[in-house]
Protein backbone atom coordinates (compact mmCIF):
# COMPACT_ATOMS: atom_id res chain seq x y z
CA MET A 1 3.94 -10.89 -5.17
CA HIS A 2 7.03 -10.63 -7.71
CA TRP A 3 5.52 -7.35 -8.90
CA MET A 4 4.88 -6.23 -5.22
CA PHE A 5 8.53 -5.96 -4.04
CA LEU A 6 10.38 -5.40 -7.37
CA PRO A 7 10.45 -1.27 -6.60
CA LEU A 8 12.03 -2.59 -3.28
CA LYS A 9 14.77 -4.60 -5.14
CA ARG A 10 15.36 -1.39 -7.40
CA TYR A 11 14.91 1.02 -4.18
CA ALA A 12 16.51 4.14 -5.32
CA GLU A 13 17.05 3.74 -8.96
CA PHE A 14 15.26 6.42 -10.59
CA SER A 15 16.62 5.56 -14.44
CA GLY A 16 14.89 3.23 -16.57
CA ARG A 17 11.17 1.87 -17.27
CA SER A 18 8.17 0.63 -15.09
CA ARG A 19 5.48 -1.50 -15.86
CA ARG A 20 1.89 -0.51 -15.12
CA MET A 21 1.73 -3.97 -13.24
CA GLU A 22 4.79 -2.93 -11.03
CA TYR A 23 3.44 0.26 -9.94
CA TRP A 24 0.31 -0.24 -9.49
CA MET A 25 0.98 -3.73 -7.68
CA PHE A 26 3.59 -1.79 -5.43
CA MET A 27 0.69 0.52 -4.52
CA LEU A 28 -1.48 -1.87 -3.68
CA PHE A 29 0.86 -3.60 -1.20
CA LEU A 30 1.42 -0.04 0.23
CA PHE A 31 -2.43 0.69 0.98
CA LEU A 32 -2.61 -2.83 2.59
CA VAL A 33 -0.28 -2.15 4.65
CA TYR A 34 -1.54 1.26 5.83
CA ILE A 35 -4.93 0.00 6.26
CA ALA A 36 -3.48 -3.48 8.44
CA MET A 37 -1.87 -0.87 10.65
CA ILE A 38 -4.78 1.85 10.73
CA VAL A 39 -6.68 -1.04 11.92
CA LEU A 40 -4.38 -2.09 14.57
CA MET A 41 -4.29 1.44 15.83
CA VAL A 42 -8.38 1.80 15.75
CA VAL A 43 -8.68 -1.73 17.67
CA ALA A 44 -5.89 -0.64 20.35
CA GLY A 45 -7.54 2.78 20.53
CA GLY A 46 -10.98 1.14 20.99
CA SER A 47 -9.44 -1.08 23.69
CA ALA A 48 -8.19 2.40 25.30
CA LEU A 49 -11.62 3.68 25.23
CA MET A 50 -13.43 0.31 26.87
CA ALA A 51 -10.07 0.77 29.53
CA GLY A 52 -10.96 4.21 30.57
CA ALA A 53 -14.88 3.33 30.44
CA SER A 54 -14.24 0.71 32.97
CA ASN A 55 -12.18 3.09 35.29
CA ASN A 56 -8.88 1.20 34.45
CA PRO A 57 -6.35 3.86 34.51
CA GLY A 58 -3.53 1.24 34.04
CA GLY A 59 -5.55 -0.52 30.69
CA LEU A 60 -5.85 2.83 29.45
CA MET A 61 -1.98 3.99 29.69
CA ALA A 62 -1.41 0.36 28.02
CA ALA A 63 -3.59 0.78 25.25
CA GLY A 64 -2.57 4.25 24.28
CA GLY A 65 1.17 3.25 24.30
CA ALA A 66 0.07 0.53 21.99
CA VAL A 67 -1.45 3.19 19.76
CA MET A 68 1.59 5.17 19.77
CA ILE A 69 4.00 2.40 19.19
CA ILE A 70 1.81 1.23 16.08
CA PHE A 71 1.63 4.79 15.16
CA PHE A 72 5.59 5.25 15.36
CA LEU A 73 5.82 2.06 13.43
CA TYR A 74 3.66 3.68 10.74
CA ILE A 75 5.72 6.53 10.30
CA LEU A 76 9.10 4.65 9.70
CA PHE A 77 7.27 2.24 7.64
CA ALA A 78 6.22 5.60 5.36
CA LEU A 79 9.03 7.31 5.35
CA ALA A 80 11.33 3.41 4.30
CA MET A 81 8.69 3.36 1.58
CA PHE A 82 9.13 7.09 0.24
CA ILE A 83 12.14 6.82 -1.79
CA PRO A 84 11.13 3.22 -3.75
CA ALA A 85 7.64 5.17 -4.20
CA LEU A 86 8.95 7.88 -5.74
CA ALA A 87 11.19 5.87 -7.84
CA VAL A 88 8.72 3.57 -9.25
CA THR A 89 6.90 6.54 -9.65
CA VAL A 90 9.27 8.33 -11.78
CA ARG A 91 10.12 5.30 -13.91
CA ARG A 92 6.24 5.02 -14.57
CA LEU A 93 6.44 8.22 -15.76
CA HIS A 94 9.45 7.27 -17.92
CA ASP A 95 7.91 4.47 -19.47
CA THR A 96 5.47 7.00 -20.61
CA ASN A 97 8.12 8.88 -22.45
CA ARG A 98 7.38 11.50 -19.81
CA SER A 99 10.31 13.10 -17.46
CA GLY A 100 10.16 12.59 -13.84
CA LYS A 101 10.13 16.23 -13.15
CA TRP A 102 5.78 16.00 -13.26
CA VAL A 103 6.49 15.14 -9.49
CA LEU A 104 8.80 18.10 -8.70
CA GLY A 105 5.36 19.99 -9.97
CA LEU A 106 3.10 18.46 -7.41
CA VAL A 107 5.88 18.86 -4.65
CA GLY A 108 5.78 22.51 -5.77
CA ALA A 109 2.25 22.79 -5.20
CA TYR A 110 2.28 21.19 -2.29
CA ALA A 111 4.73 23.91 -1.08
CA VAL A 112 2.67 26.74 -2.43
CA MET A 113 -0.12 25.73 -0.06
CA PHE A 114 1.91 24.96 3.05
CA ILE A 115 3.58 28.46 2.83
CA GLY A 116 0.16 29.86 2.27
CA GLY A 117 -1.30 28.09 5.32
CA VAL A 118 1.98 29.59 7.33
CA LEU A 119 1.20 32.98 5.99
CA ALA A 120 -2.47 32.98 6.72
CA ALA A 121 -1.98 31.60 10.05
CA GLY A 122 0.73 34.28 10.90
CA SER A 123 -1.49 37.22 10.42
CA PRO A 124 -4.82 35.93 11.45
CA ASP A 125 -6.65 39.45 11.42
CA ASN A 126 -5.77 39.61 7.36
CA PRO A 127 -5.00 35.89 6.30
CA GLY A 128 -6.02 37.28 2.44
CA LEU A 129 -2.37 36.58 0.59
CA GLY A 130 -2.09 33.30 2.54
CA GLY A 131 -5.42 32.31 2.02
CA ILE A 132 -4.90 32.97 -1.68
CA LEU A 133 -1.50 31.14 -1.93
CA SER A 134 -3.32 27.90 -0.09
CA LEU A 135 -5.80 28.06 -2.80
CA ILE A 136 -4.10 28.21 -5.41
CA GLY A 137 -1.77 25.94 -4.42
CA ALA A 138 -4.69 23.03 -3.65
CA ILE A 139 -5.96 24.04 -7.37
CA ALA A 140 -2.46 23.05 -8.64
CA ALA A 141 -1.77 20.01 -6.74
CA ILE A 142 -5.66 18.70 -7.16
CA GLY A 143 -4.83 19.32 -10.98
CA LEU A 144 -1.33 17.71 -10.97
CA ALA A 145 -2.50 14.87 -8.76
CA LEU A 146 -5.41 13.98 -11.39
CA THR A 147 -2.93 14.21 -13.78
CA LEU A 148 -0.39 11.77 -12.55
CA LEU A 149 -3.18 9.86 -11.83
CA VAL A 150 -4.02 9.55 -15.61
CA PHE A 151 -0.19 9.20 -16.42
CA MET A 152 -0.03 5.91 -14.80
CA PHE A 153 -2.94 4.43 -16.08
CA LEU A 154 -1.86 5.11 -19.61
CA GLU A 155 -0.15 2.25 -21.38
CA GLY A 156 3.84 2.53 -21.63
CA THR A 157 5.75 3.73 -24.83
CA ARG A 158 6.37 0.31 -27.07
CA GLY A 159 9.67 -0.04 -28.18
CA PRO A 160 12.58 1.88 -26.55
CA ASN A 161 12.05 5.31 -25.59
CA ASN A 162 13.79 8.06 -24.33
CA TYR A 163 14.22 6.57 -21.19
CA GLY A 164 15.44 2.92 -21.90
CA PRO A 165 14.36 0.07 -23.17
CA ASP A 166 10.91 -1.53 -23.33
CA PRO A 167 10.59 -3.52 -20.08
CA LYS A 168 7.81 -5.63 -21.78
CA GLY A 169 10.18 -7.12 -23.83
CA GLU A 170 11.92 -6.65 -27.21
CA ALA A 171 10.74 -3.92 -29.60
CA LEU A 172 7.95 -4.47 -32.10
CA ASP A 173 10.78 -3.38 -35.03
CA LYS A 174 12.52 -6.56 -34.12
CA VAL A 175 9.47 -9.23 -33.12
CA PHE A 176 7.79 -8.20 -36.46
CA ALA A 177 10.66 -8.15 -38.76
């Protein structure tokens, strides 16, 4: 449990290094919370459908309202967890002696994809340039996401690196001296 909540204690700390355990346990925590909220929304939505099937408008509105409240809490939680998730990702990249700017590349790829989609939607008769930009952005986003995924699985550099001391403890040259 300690590893799951450590990034929350280091909420907006982008300097230093984070171990794989800290990163993956925090991602597991986020995954479990998101899944729990989605299950709650599905259950509330199912009860809304059941109320609608029995011609009960009050039950339908109550269940629909419950779905909206859970969805609102989901959005608030996602916004609150954005900074610590970004910070632990940058620190994890630092542990592998890579710059946190790799994350900016992924954001840039998503931006190109989004801009291409806006351009394509703005001219439905000729979506050529927008479609091409969206395709390029999507390919770049997939490539960078897979690259970052591999980086997150790699072992961190042993001993101190450009971003700080080894989070696993002493440097090997001190241990085996």
